[in-house]
C-alpha atoms as a PDB file:
ATOM      1  CA  UNK A   1     108.896 130.636  54.617  1.00  0.00           C
ATOM      2  CA  UNK A   2     112.693 131.350  54.936  1.00  0.00           C
ATOM      3  CA  UNK A   3     112.005 134.967  55.731  1.00  0.00           C
ATOM      4  CA  UNK A   4     109.607 134.034  58.479  1.00  0.00           C
ATOM      5  CA  UNK A   5     112.092 131.423  59.907  1.00  0.00           C
ATOM      6  CA  UNK A   6     114.830 134.227  59.862  1.00  0.00           C
ATOM      7  CA  UNK A   7     112.580 136.511  61.814  1.00  0.00           C
ATOM      8  CA  UNK A   8     111.916 133.914  64.477  1.00  0.00           C
ATOM      9  CA  UNK A   9     115.634 132.883  64.798  1.00  0.00           C
ATOM     10  CA  UNK A  10     116.913 136.470  64.821  1.00  0.00           C
ATOM     11  CA  UNK A  11     114.293 137.480  67.476  1.00  0.00           C
ATOM     12  CA  UNK A  12     115.183 134.439  69.616  1.00  0.00           C
ATOM     13  CA  UNK A  13     118.813 135.407  69.484  1.00  0.00           C
ATOM     14  CA  UNK A  14     117.789 138.870  70.602  1.00  0.00           C
ATOM     15  CA  UNK A  15     116.035 137.562  73.625  1.00  0.00           C
ATOM     16  CA  UNK A  16     119.055 135.286  74.593  1.00  0.00           C
ATOM     17  CA  UNK A  17     121.455 138.111  74.247  1.00  0.00           C
ATOM     18  CA  UNK A  18     119.354 140.569  76.337  1.00  0.00           C
ATOM     19  CA  UNK A  19     118.797 137.890  79.030  1.00  0.00           C
ATOM     20  CA  UNK A  20     122.464 137.090  79.133  1.00  0.00           C
ATOM     21  CA  UNK A  21     123.615 140.597  79.524  1.00  0.00           C
ATOM     22  CA  UNK A  22     120.832 141.352  82.018  1.00  0.00           C
ATOM     23  CA  UNK A  23     119.375 144.086  79.884  1.00  0.00           C
ATOM     24  CA  UNK A  24     115.727 145.333  80.448  1.00  0.00           C
ATOM     25  CA  UNK A  25     112.754 143.769  78.954  1.00  0.00           C
ATOM     26  CA  UNK A  26     114.546 140.900  76.972  1.00  0.00           C
ATOM     27  CA  UNK A  27     111.310 139.438  75.568  1.00  0.00           C
ATOM     28  CA  UNK A  28     110.394 142.958  73.985  1.00  0.00           C
ATOM     29  CA  UNK A  29     113.533 144.933  73.386  1.00  0.00           C
ATOM     30  CA  UNK A  30     115.679 141.891  72.442  1.00  0.00           C
ATOM     31  CA  UNK A  31     113.552 140.974  69.292  1.00  0.00           C
ATOM     32  CA  UNK A  32     113.238 144.667  68.419  1.00  0.00           C
ATOM     33  CA  UNK A  33     117.085 145.414  68.376  1.00  0.00           C
ATOM     34  CA  UNK A  34     117.956 141.996  66.930  1.00  0.00           C
ATOM     35  CA  UNK A  35     115.548 142.342  63.990  1.00  0.00           C
ATOM     36  CA  UNK A  36     116.420 145.939  63.461  1.00  0.00           C
ATOM     37  CA  UNK A  37     120.103 145.174  63.120  1.00  0.00           C
ATOM     38  CA  UNK A  38     119.347 142.142  60.868  1.00  0.00           C
ATOM     39  CA  UNK A  39     116.980 144.203  58.695  1.00  0.00           C
ATOM     40  CA  UNK A  40     119.643 147.031  58.253  1.00  0.00           C
ATOM     41  CA  UNK A  41     122.197 144.189  57.358  1.00  0.00           C
ATOM     42  CA  UNK A  42     119.822 143.054  54.519  1.00  0.00           C
ATOM     43  CA  UNK A  43     118.571 139.812  56.112  1.00  0.00           C
ATOM     44  CA  UNK A  44     115.099 138.847  54.622  1.00  0.00           C
ATOM     45  CA  UNK A  45     112.606 138.665  57.301  1.00  0.00           C
ATOM     46  CA  UNK A  46     108.805 138.614  57.577  1.00  0.00           C
ATOM     47  CA  UNK A  47     106.401 138.177  60.382  1.00  0.00           C
ATOM     48  CA  UNK A  48     103.065 136.413  60.438  1.00  0.00           C
ATOM     49  CA  UNK A  49     100.345 139.025  60.704  1.00  0.00           C
ATOM     50  CA  UNK A  50      97.502 136.802  61.907  1.00  0.00           C
ATOM     51  CA  UNK A  51      99.790 135.312  64.572  1.00  0.00           C
ATOM     52  CA  UNK A  52     100.865 138.933  65.615  1.00  0.00           C
ATOM     53  CA  UNK A  53      97.172 139.966  65.846  1.00  0.00           C
ATOM     54  CA  UNK A  54      96.426 136.784  67.910  1.00  0.00           C
ATOM     55  CA  UNK A  55      99.088 137.806  70.331  1.00  0.00           C
ATOM     56  CA  UNK A  56      97.575 141.314  70.647  1.00  0.00           C
ATOM     57  CA  UNK A  57      94.372 139.583  71.945  1.00  0.00           C
ATOM     58  CA  UNK A  58      96.324 138.525  74.979  1.00  0.00           C
ATOM     59  CA  UNK A  59      96.927 142.250  75.905  1.00  0.00           C
ATOM     60  CA  UNK A  60      93.260 142.970  75.503  1.00  0.00           C
ATOM     61  CA  UNK A  61      92.274 140.124  77.833  1.00  0.00           C
ATOM     62  CA  UNK A  62      95.011 141.316  80.234  1.00  0.00           C
ATOM     63  CA  UNK A  63      93.446 144.753  80.426  1.00  0.00           C
ATOM     64  CA  UNK A  64      89.968 143.633  80.457  1.00  0.00           C
ATOM     65  CA  UNK A  65      90.724 141.409  83.386  1.00  0.00           C
ATOM     66  CA  UNK A  66      91.726 144.493  85.422  1.00  0.00           C
ATOM     67  CA  UNK A  67      88.511 146.326  84.918  1.00  0.00           C
ATOM     68  CA  UNK A  68      86.751 145.200  88.117  1.00  0.00           C
ATOM     69  CA  UNK A  69      83.793 147.223  89.331  1.00  0.00           C
ATOM     70  CA  UNK A  70      86.019 149.107  91.731  1.00  0.00           C
ATOM     71  CA  UNK A  71      88.375 150.105  88.949  1.00  0.00           C
ATOM     72  CA  UNK A  72      85.487 151.231  86.648  1.00  0.00           C
ATOM     73  CA  UNK A  73      83.983 153.165  89.464  1.00  0.00           C
ATOM     74  CA  UNK A  74      87.186 155.304  89.412  1.00  0.00           C
ATOM     75  CA  UNK A  75      86.855 156.285  85.820  1.00  0.00           C
ATOM     76  CA  UNK A  76      85.345 159.697  86.465  1.00  0.00           C
ATOM     77  CA  UNK A  77      88.545 160.667  88.264  1.00  0.00           C
ATOM     78  CA  UNK A  78      90.307 160.344  84.865  1.00  0.00           C
ATOM     79  CA  UNK A  79      88.304 163.054  83.119  1.00  0.00           C
ATOM     80  CA  UNK A  80      90.830 165.897  83.832  1.00  0.00           C
ATOM     81  CA  UNK A  81      93.757 164.040  82.241  1.00  0.00           C
ATOM     82  CA  UNK A  82      91.507 162.592  79.377  1.00  0.00           C
ATOM     83  CA  UNK A  83      90.601 166.243  78.441  1.00  0.00           C
ATOM     84  CA  UNK A  84      94.276 166.848  77.799  1.00  0.00           C
ATOM     85  CA  UNK A  85      94.591 163.989  75.254  1.00  0.00           C
ATOM     86  CA  UNK A  86      92.841 165.861  72.295  1.00  0.00           C
ATOM     87  CA  UNK A  87      94.746 168.967  73.149  1.00  0.00           C
ATOM     88  CA  UNK A  88      98.025 166.993  72.845  1.00  0.00           C
ATOM     89  CA  UNK A  89      96.910 165.541  69.562  1.00  0.00           C
ATOM     90  CA  UNK A  90      96.144 169.014  68.335  1.00  0.00           C
ATOM     91  CA  UNK A  91      99.674 170.283  69.317  1.00  0.00           C
ATOM     92  CA  UNK A  92     101.356 167.350  67.596  1.00  0.00           C
ATOM     93  CA  UNK A  93      99.504 168.094  64.377  1.00  0.00           C
ATOM     94  CA  UNK A  94     100.116 171.852  64.477  1.00  0.00           C
ATOM     95  CA  UNK A  95     103.875 171.274  64.892  1.00  0.00           C
ATOM     96  CA  UNK A  96     104.304 167.994  63.044  1.00  0.00           C
ATOM     97  CA  UNK A  97     102.686 168.839  59.703  1.00  0.00           C
ATOM     98  CA  UNK A  98     104.661 171.983  58.971  1.00  0.00           C
ATOM     99  CA  UNK A  99     107.899 170.060  60.144  1.00  0.00           C
ATOM    100  CA  UNK A 100     107.296 167.204  57.599  1.00  0.00           C
ATOM    101  CA  UNK A 101     105.996 169.490  54.778  1.00  0.00           C
ATOM    102  CA  UNK A 102     108.237 172.582  54.976  1.00  0.00           C
ATOM    103  CA  UNK A 103     111.391 171.280  56.662  1.00  0.00           C
ATOM    104  CA  UNK A 104     111.508 167.682  55.313  1.00  0.00           C
ATOM    105  CA  UNK A 105     109.922 168.367  52.079  1.00  0.00           C
ATOM    106  CA  UNK A 106     107.101 165.823  51.934  1.00  0.00           C
ATOM    107  CA  UNK A 107     103.811 166.413  50.293  1.00  0.00           C
ATOM    108  CA  UNK A 108     100.698 167.345  52.367  1.00  0.00           C
ATOM    109  CA  UNK A 109      99.092 163.842  52.574  1.00  0.00           C
ATOM    110  CA  UNK A 110     102.332 162.268  53.671  1.00  0.00           C
ATOM    111  CA  UNK A 111     103.177 165.080  56.147  1.00  0.00           C
ATOM    112  CA  UNK A 112      99.716 165.111  57.721  1.00  0.00           C
ATOM    113  CA  UNK A 113      99.568 161.234  58.295  1.00  0.00           C
ATOM    114  CA  UNK A 114     103.175 161.079  59.313  1.00  0.00           C
ATOM    115  CA  UNK A 115     102.405 163.525  62.133  1.00  0.00           C
ATOM    116  CA  UNK A 116      99.229 161.936  63.419  1.00  0.00           C
ATOM    117  CA  UNK A 117     100.116 159.689  66.427  1.00  0.00           C
ATOM    118  CA  UNK A 118      97.663 156.948  65.498  1.00  0.00           C
ATOM    119  CA  UNK A 119      97.930 153.098  64.807  1.00  0.00           C
ATOM    120  CA  UNK A 120     100.449 152.258  62.052  1.00  0.00           C
ATOM    121  CA  UNK A 121      97.985 150.381  59.904  1.00  0.00           C
ATOM    122  CA  UNK A 122      95.235 153.048  60.134  1.00  0.00           C
ATOM    123  CA  UNK A 123      97.689 155.836  59.209  1.00  0.00           C
ATOM    124  CA  UNK A 124      99.048 153.807  56.333  1.00  0.00           C
ATOM    125  CA  UNK A 125      95.533 153.084  55.087  1.00  0.00           C
ATOM    126  CA  UNK A 126      94.493 156.850  55.312  1.00  0.00           C
ATOM    127  CA  UNK A 127      97.656 158.004  53.845  1.00  0.00           C
ATOM    128  CA  UNK A 128      97.568 155.719  50.894  1.00  0.00           C
ATOM    129  CA  UNK A 129      93.907 156.656  50.111  1.00  0.00           C
ATOM    130  CA  UNK A 130      95.025 160.391  50.385  1.00  0.00           C
ATOM    131  CA  UNK A 131      97.831 159.755  47.925  1.00  0.00           C
ATOM    132  CA  UNK A 132     100.707 159.869  50.442  1.00  0.00           C
ATOM    133  CA  UNK A 133     103.975 157.936  50.309  1.00  0.00           C
ATOM    134  CA  UNK A 134     103.125 154.697  52.112  1.00  0.00           C
ATOM    135  CA  UNK A 135     106.776 153.508  52.431  1.00  0.00           C
ATOM    136  CA  UNK A 136     107.827 156.776  54.036  1.00  0.00           C
ATOM    137  CA  UNK A 137     104.727 156.745  56.421  1.00  0.00           C
ATOM    138  CA  UNK A 138     105.767 153.134  57.385  1.00  0.00           C
ATOM    139  CA  UNK A 139     109.296 154.012  58.247  1.00  0.00           C
ATOM    140  CA  UNK A 140     108.421 157.262  60.049  1.00  0.00           C
ATOM    141  CA  UNK A 141     105.752 155.541  62.301  1.00  0.00           C
ATOM    142  CA  UNK A 142     107.930 152.508  62.910  1.00  0.00           C
ATOM    143  CA  UNK A 143     110.619 154.766  64.033  1.00  0.00           C
ATOM    144  CA  UNK A 144     108.170 156.702  66.387  1.00  0.00           C
ATOM    145  CA  UNK A 145     107.079 153.450  68.099  1.00  0.00           C
ATOM    146  CA  UNK A 146     110.695 152.185  68.148  1.00  0.00           C
ATOM    147  CA  UNK A 147     112.209 155.205  69.895  1.00  0.00           C
ATOM    148  CA  UNK A 148     109.270 155.419  72.464  1.00  0.00           C
ATOM    149  CA  UNK A 149     109.609 151.656  73.272  1.00  0.00           C
ATOM    150  CA  UNK A 150     113.225 151.737  73.712  1.00  0.00           C
ATOM    151  CA  UNK A 151     113.388 155.024  75.632  1.00  0.00           C
ATOM    152  CA  UNK A 152     110.659 154.433  78.110  1.00  0.00           C
ATOM    153  CA  UNK A 153     112.030 151.294  79.962  1.00  0.00           C
ATOM    154  CA  UNK A 154     115.330 153.234  80.742  1.00  0.00           C
ATOM    155  CA  UNK A 155     113.246 156.367  81.861  1.00  0.00           C
ATOM    156  CA  UNK A 156     111.014 154.220  84.097  1.00  0.00           C
ATOM    157  CA  UNK A 157     114.029 152.447  85.698  1.00  0.00           C
ATOM    158  CA  UNK A 158     116.013 155.554  86.043  1.00  0.00           C
ATOM    159  CA  UNK A 159     113.476 157.949  87.384  1.00  0.00           C
ATOM    160  CA  UNK A 160     111.102 155.709  89.291  1.00  0.00           C
ATOM    161  CA  UNK A 161     113.365 152.719  89.910  1.00  0.00           C
ATOM    162  CA  UNK A 162     110.671 150.505  88.206  1.00  0.00           C
ATOM    163  CA  UNK A 163     111.329 146.769  88.380  1.00  0.00           C
ATOM    164  CA  UNK A 164     111.427 145.540  84.913  1.00  0.00           C
ATOM    165  CA  UNK A 165     112.424 142.024  85.749  1.00  0.00           C
ATOM    166  CA  UNK A 166     109.505 140.771  87.683  1.00  0.00           C
ATOM    167  CA  UNK A 167     107.135 138.433  85.806  1.00  0.00           C
ATOM    168  CA  UNK A 168     104.078 140.271  84.298  1.00  0.00           C
ATOM    169  CA  UNK A 169     101.644 137.725  85.874  1.00  0.00           C
ATOM    170  CA  UNK A 170     101.345 134.433  87.590  1.00  0.00           C
ATOM    171  CA  UNK A 171     102.764 131.246  86.024  1.00  0.00           C
ATOM    172  CA  UNK A 172     100.161 129.262  83.931  1.00  0.00           C
ATOM    173  CA  UNK A 173     100.427 126.360  86.417  1.00  0.00           C
ATOM    174  CA  UNK A 174      98.989 128.639  89.211  1.00  0.00           C
ATOM    175  CA  UNK A 175      95.971 129.697  87.254  1.00  0.00           C
ATOM    176  CA  UNK A 176      92.754 127.515  87.275  1.00  0.00           C
ATOM    177  CA  UNK A 177      92.374 125.823  83.917  1.00  0.00           C
ATOM    178  CA  UNK A 178      88.722 127.110  83.731  1.00  0.00           C
ATOM    179  CA  UNK A 179      89.982 130.688  83.924  1.00  0.00           C
ATOM    180  CA  UNK A 180      92.477 130.061  81.205  1.00  0.00           C
ATOM    181  CA  UNK A 181      89.827 128.592  78.937  1.00  0.00           C
ATOM    182  CA  UNK A 182      87.572 131.579  79.621  1.00  0.00           C
ATOM    183  CA  UNK A 183      90.389 133.938  78.702  1.00  0.00           C
ATOM    184  CA  UNK A 184      91.048 132.054  75.457  1.00  0.00           C
ATOM    185  CA  UNK A 185      87.316 132.197  74.557  1.00  0.00           C
ATOM    186  CA  UNK A 186      87.168 135.913  75.277  1.00  0.00           C
ATOM    187  CA  UNK A 187      90.261 136.455  73.244  1.00  0.00           C
ATOM    188  CA  UNK A 188      88.977 134.715  70.154  1.00  0.00           C
ATOM    189  CA  UNK A 189      85.290 135.645  70.225  1.00  0.00           C
ATOM    190  CA  UNK A 190      86.043 139.217  71.168  1.00  0.00           C
ATOM    191  CA  UNK A 191      88.578 139.563  68.454  1.00  0.00           C
ATOM    192  CA  UNK A 192      86.365 138.039  65.633  1.00  0.00           C
ATOM    193  CA  UNK A 193      83.226 139.881  66.711  1.00  0.00           C
ATOM    194  CA  UNK A 194      85.122 143.261  66.779  1.00  0.00           C
ATOM    195  CA  UNK A 195      86.743 142.576  63.376  1.00  0.00           C
ATOM    196  CA  UNK A 196      83.366 141.782  61.800  1.00  0.00           C
ATOM    197  CA  UNK A 197      81.965 145.017  63.251  1.00  0.00           C
ATOM    198  CA  UNK A 198      84.925 146.955  61.635  1.00  0.00           C
ATOM    199  CA  UNK A 199      86.172 148.160  65.044  1.00  0.00           C
ATOM    200  CA  UNK A 200      89.675 149.815  64.977  1.00  0.00           C
ATOM    201  CA  UNK A 201      92.223 147.908  66.978  1.00  0.00           C
ATOM    202  CA  UNK A 202      89.873 144.919  66.888  1.00  0.00           C
ATOM    203  CA  UNK A 203      92.578 142.536  68.080  1.00  0.00           C
ATOM    204  CA  UNK A 204      92.912 144.343  71.382  1.00  0.00           C
ATOM    205  CA  UNK A 205      89.567 146.234  71.947  1.00  0.00           C
ATOM    206  CA  UNK A 206      87.345 143.296  71.211  1.00  0.00           C
ATOM    207  CA  UNK A 207      88.903 140.887  73.670  1.00  0.00           C
ATOM    208  CA  UNK A 208      89.186 143.838  76.144  1.00  0.00           C
ATOM    209  CA  UNK A 209      85.619 144.734  76.059  1.00  0.00           C
ATOM    210  CA  UNK A 210      84.378 141.002  76.351  1.00  0.00           C
ATOM    211  CA  UNK A 211      86.709 140.204  79.101  1.00  0.00           C
ATOM    212  CA  UNK A 212      85.785 143.338  80.948  1.00  0.00           C
ATOM    213  CA  UNK A 213      82.129 142.208  80.790  1.00  0.00           C
ATOM    214  CA  UNK A 214      83.017 138.707  82.028  1.00  0.00           C
ATOM    215  CA  UNK A 215      85.239 140.192  84.832  1.00  0.00           C
ATOM    216  CA  UNK A 216      82.488 142.505  86.060  1.00  0.00           C
ATOM    217  CA  UNK A 217      80.005 139.465  85.941  1.00  0.00           C
ATOM    218  CA  UNK A 218      82.465 137.570  88.214  1.00  0.00           C
ATOM    219  CA  UNK A 219      83.589 135.038  85.600  1.00  0.00           C
ATOM    220  CA  UNK A 220      87.282 135.997  85.831  1.00  0.00           C
ATOM    221  CA  UNK A 221      89.638 136.633  88.708  1.00  0.00           C
ATOM    222  CA  UNK A 222      93.078 136.418  87.139  1.00  0.00           C
ATOM    223  CA  UNK A 223      95.053 138.008  84.296  1.00  0.00           C
ATOM    224  CA  UNK A 224      96.670 135.948  81.507  1.00  0.00           C
ATOM    225  CA  UNK A 225      99.729 133.945  82.663  1.00  0.00           C
ATOM    226  CA  UNK A 226     103.235 135.458  82.568  1.00  0.00           C
ATOM    227  CA  UNK A 227     104.114 133.028  79.671  1.00  0.00           C
ATOM    228  CA  UNK A 228     101.394 134.510  77.454  1.00  0.00           C
ATOM    229  CA  UNK A 229     102.381 138.039  78.199  1.00  0.00           C
ATOM    230  CA  UNK A 230     106.109 137.201  77.367  1.00  0.00           C
ATOM    231  CA  UNK A 231     104.881 135.622  74.064  1.00  0.00           C
ATOM    232  CA  UNK A 232     102.950 138.808  73.221  1.00  0.00           C
ATOM    233  CA  UNK A 233     106.064 140.922  73.892  1.00  0.00           C
ATOM    234  CA  UNK A 234     108.085 138.609  71.585  1.00  0.00           C
ATOM    235  CA  UNK A 235     105.887 138.881  68.632  1.00  0.00           C
ATOM    236  CA  UNK A 236     105.265 142.654  69.016  1.00  0.00           C
ATOM    237  CA  UNK A 237     109.060 143.274  69.295  1.00  0.00           C
ATOM    238  CA  UNK A 238     109.660 141.098  66.147  1.00  0.00           C
ATOM    239  CA  UNK A 239     106.983 142.977  64.161  1.00  0.00           C
ATOM    240  CA  UNK A 240     108.502 146.369  65.014  1.00  0.00           C
ATOM    241  CA  UNK A 241     112.002 145.271  64.075  1.00  0.00           C
ATOM    242  CA  UNK A 242     111.058 143.724  60.704  1.00  0.00           C
ATOM    243  CA  UNK A 243     109.348 146.860  59.573  1.00  0.00           C
ATOM    244  CA  UNK A 244     112.824 148.072  58.516  1.00  0.00           C
ATOM    245  CA  UNK A 245     113.359 145.098  56.154  1.00  0.00           C
ATOM    246  CA  UNK A 246     114.429 146.436  52.646  1.00  0.00           C
ATOM    247  CA  UNK A 247     115.315 149.852  53.862  1.00  0.00           C
ATOM    248  CA  UNK A 248     117.634 151.693  51.397  1.00  0.00           C
ATOM    249  CA  UNK A 249     120.438 154.279  52.139  1.00  0.00           C
ATOM    250  CA  UNK A 250     118.147 156.949  50.521  1.00  0.00           C
ATOM    251  CA  UNK A 251     115.327 156.174  52.918  1.00  0.00           C
ATOM    252  CA  UNK A 252     117.684 156.167  55.920  1.00  0.00           C
ATOM    253  CA  UNK A 253     118.866 159.629  54.953  1.00  0.00           C
ATOM    254  CA  UNK A 254     115.413 160.869  54.300  1.00  0.00           C
ATOM    255  CA  UNK A 255     112.673 159.057  56.053  1.00  0.00           C
ATOM    256  CA  UNK A 256     114.620 157.569  59.081  1.00  0.00           C
ATOM    257  CA  UNK A 257     116.185 160.883  59.929  1.00  0.00           C
ATOM    258  CA  UNK A 258     112.839 162.650  59.453  1.00  0.00           C
ATOM    259  CA  UNK A 259     111.246 160.178  61.783  1.00  0.00           C
ATOM    260  CA  UNK A 260     113.981 160.690  64.426  1.00  0.00           C
ATOM    261  CA  UNK A 261     113.715 164.477  64.211  1.00  0.00           C
ATOM    262  CA  UNK A 262     109.886 164.121  64.744  1.00  0.00           C
ATOM    263  CA  UNK A 263     110.487 161.880  67.781  1.00  0.00           C
ATOM    264  CA  UNK A 264     112.527 164.859  69.418  1.00  0.00           C
ATOM    265  CA  UNK A 265     109.302 167.046  68.934  1.00  0.00           C
ATOM    266  CA  UNK A 266     107.200 164.335  70.444  1.00  0.00           C
ATOM    267  CA  UNK A 267     109.465 163.841  73.382  1.00  0.00           C
ATOM    268  CA  UNK A 268     109.436 167.520  74.206  1.00  0.00           C
ATOM    269  CA  UNK A 269     105.654 167.700  73.905  1.00  0.00           C
ATOM    270  CA  UNK A 270     105.316 164.671  76.014  1.00  0.00           C
ATOM    271  CA  UNK A 271     107.484 166.031  78.707  1.00  0.00           C
ATOM    272  CA  UNK A 272     105.332 169.227  78.710  1.00  0.00           C
ATOM    273  CA  UNK A 273     102.140 167.301  79.225  1.00  0.00           C
ATOM    274  CA  UNK A 274     103.565 164.920  81.703  1.00  0.00           C
ATOM    275  CA  UNK A 275     104.956 167.667  83.724  1.00  0.00           C
ATOM    276  CA  UNK A 276     101.582 169.613  83.650  1.00  0.00           C
ATOM    277  CA  UNK A 277      99.621 166.395  84.743  1.00  0.00           C
ATOM    278  CA  UNK A 278     102.130 165.813  87.515  1.00  0.00           C
ATOM    279  CA  UNK A 279     102.273 169.417  88.703  1.00  0.00           C
ATOM    280  CA  UNK A 280      98.462 169.568  88.881  1.00  0.00           C
ATOM    281  CA  UNK A 281      98.542 166.314  90.907  1.00  0.00           C
ATOM    282  CA  UNK A 282      96.287 164.657  88.480  1.00  0.00           C
ATOM    283  CA  UNK A 283      98.343 161.358  88.317  1.00  0.00           C
ATOM    284  CA  UNK A 284     101.600 159.820  89.376  1.00  0.00           C
ATOM    285  CA  UNK A 285     104.598 160.576  87.189  1.00  0.00           C
ATOM    286  CA  UNK A 286     104.964 157.063  85.955  1.00  0.00           C
ATOM    287  CA  UNK A 287     101.172 156.686  84.915  1.00  0.00           C
ATOM    288  CA  UNK A 288     101.266 160.154  83.240  1.00  0.00           C
ATOM    289  CA  UNK A 289     104.406 159.217  81.175  1.00  0.00           C
ATOM    290  CA  UNK A 290     102.948 155.928  80.051  1.00  0.00           C
ATOM    291  CA  UNK A 291      99.637 157.511  79.214  1.00  0.00           C
ATOM    292  CA  UNK A 292     100.854 160.503  77.171  1.00  0.00           C
ATOM    293  CA  UNK A 293     103.927 158.843  75.511  1.00  0.00           C
ATOM    294  CA  UNK A 294     102.816 158.489  71.749  1.00  0.00           C
ATOM    295  CA  UNK A 295     103.824 154.899  71.302  1.00  0.00           C
ATOM    296  CA  UNK A 296     101.753 152.089  70.057  1.00  0.00           C
ATOM    297  CA  UNK A 297      98.798 151.033  72.187  1.00  0.00           C
ATOM    298  CA  UNK A 298      99.971 147.406  72.463  1.00  0.00           C
ATOM    299  CA  UNK A 299     103.462 148.389  73.511  1.00  0.00           C
ATOM    300  CA  UNK A 300     102.196 150.875  76.169  1.00  0.00           C
ATOM    301  CA  UNK A 301      99.893 148.268  77.576  1.00  0.00           C
ATOM    302  CA  UNK A 302     102.887 145.775  77.819  1.00  0.00           C
ATOM    303  CA  UNK A 303     105.057 148.369  79.730  1.00  0.00           C
ATOM    304  CA  UNK A 304     102.084 149.220  82.125  1.00  0.00           C
ATOM    305  CA  UNK A 305     101.569 145.517  82.892  1.00  0.00           C
ATOM    306  CA  UNK A 306     105.243 144.862  83.479  1.00  0.00           C
ATOM    307  CA  UNK A 307     105.952 147.810  85.869  1.00  0.00           C
ATOM    308  CA  UNK A 308     102.714 147.480  87.718  1.00  0.00           C
ATOM    309  CA  UNK A 309     101.183 150.880  86.690  1.00  0.00           C
ATOM    310  CA  UNK A 310      97.526 151.541  86.695  1.00  0.00           C
ATOM    311  CA  UNK A 311      96.680 149.618  83.406  1.00  0.00           C
ATOM    312  CA  UNK A 312      93.238 150.904  83.098  1.00  0.00           C
ATOM    313  CA  UNK A 313      94.327 154.574  83.442  1.00  0.00           C
ATOM    314  CA  UNK A 314      97.164 154.049  80.817  1.00  0.00           C
ATOM    315  CA  UNK A 315      94.960 152.206  78.384  1.00  0.00           C
ATOM    316  CA  UNK A 316      92.072 154.684  78.668  1.00  0.00           C
ATOM    317  CA  UNK A 317      94.283 157.514  77.515  1.00  0.00           C
ATOM    318  CA  UNK A 318      95.769 155.599  74.519  1.00  0.00           C
ATOM    319  CA  UNK A 319      92.280 154.365  73.405  1.00  0.00           C
ATOM    320  CA  UNK A 320      91.032 157.928  73.435  1.00  0.00           C
ATOM    321  CA  UNK A 321      94.072 159.066  71.492  1.00  0.00           C
ATOM    322  CA  UNK A 322      93.636 156.487  68.851  1.00  0.00           C
ATOM    323  CA  UNK A 323      89.882 157.080  68.646  1.00  0.00           C
ATOM    324  CA  UNK A 324      90.426 160.846  68.131  1.00  0.00           C
ATOM    325  CA  UNK A 325      93.045 160.364  65.464  1.00  0.00           C
ATOM    326  CA  UNK A 326      91.132 157.607  63.501  1.00  0.00           C
ATOM    327  CA  UNK A 327      87.883 159.581  63.533  1.00  0.00           C
ATOM    328  CA  UNK A 328      89.279 163.086  63.188  1.00  0.00           C
ATOM    329  CA  UNK A 329      92.289 162.614  60.976  1.00  0.00           C
ATOM    330  CA  UNK A 330      90.469 161.968  57.603  1.00  0.00           C
ATOM    331  CA  UNK A 331      87.971 164.762  58.235  1.00  0.00           C
ATOM    332  CA  UNK A 332      90.630 167.429  59.213  1.00  0.00           C
ATOM    333  CA  UNK A 333      92.940 166.336  56.386  1.00  0.00           C
ATOM    334  CA  UNK A 334      90.219 166.683  53.896  1.00  0.00           C
ATOM    335  CA  UNK A 335      89.298 170.173  55.093  1.00  0.00           C
ATOM    336  CA  UNK A 336      92.781 171.380  55.090  1.00  0.00           C
ATOM    337  CA  UNK A 337      93.596 169.806  51.590  1.00  0.00           C
ATOM    338  CA  UNK A 338      90.431 171.506  50.281  1.00  0.00           C
ATOM    339  CA  UNK A 339      91.309 174.920  51.799  1.00  0.00           C
ATOM    340  CA  UNK A 340      94.843 174.628  50.472  1.00  0.00           C
ATOM    341  CA  UNK A 341      93.607 174.059  46.932  1.00  0.00           C
ATOM    342  CA  UNK A 342      91.285 177.176  46.911  1.00  0.00           C
ATOM    343  CA  UNK A 343      92.542 180.044  44.830  1.00  0.00           C
ATOM    344  CA  UNK A 344      93.870 182.868  46.973  1.00  0.00           C
END
């Protein structure tokens, strides 16, 4: 209980400090930095997983509410950039696995699942089943998400002059109560239905699919209120920062440094693909960056909502990336592991 209370207090202080100094995204970056610093200082903290997952349902509803018939009709135009997603995943694997295995000295299972840009929970589960180092995987993926979340707001503001201060939606008082109740129903029913079906990313994808169906049917005309999006940012930021609780000096020297080095590789690959998309005129630079940056699906959704990017475009690319990694990673890892064990 104390650890959970600590996390809330520290995250709240982070929001207050970021707001006071007029820093970007106080509800997201404030909790991340405050919890990260507190974790490195040895403060015991722990989030509430079910509450964090519940907050992710807000993002699923927010995306689903944008999928109007007009938006869905534009999906075929995304095919040229969607084709680049599996190519990028392959490039990340071809460079990342040797980096972790040969340069950083990890075993194959840890190296493979550390390199795969999938969801944190999924990569930890697969990595553990394959005999990898779960703690190292957790720190490496947390570092990947952290670096991407922190870097993108400054890039978006510096290059495209994106407004990171505007509310991510209307105030709750301006949204009809029937619409808010409909959103809550879509969030809870979609989440639980997807969870029972074993769907990956159930907390986001379940509400997203159900909300999209309701929106197309004419049952929704608004996105979740700004207060709900801010709450989702707060809990996501807090969960990212608390991933570093209990980190040791040895882990900092080994896992954290390895994760930071991998982030450099990811940034270079992202720039290459974003430049390709932009040069070919397939998407605006801001949408391309948000779509190919290998951050967490929830975090990229938040940024897309805040800066007013094409949310459907961004989310479609991240869902495809996660889908490819989750379905393909275990199969490819097993094939590579078997081939490496064959006598030469």
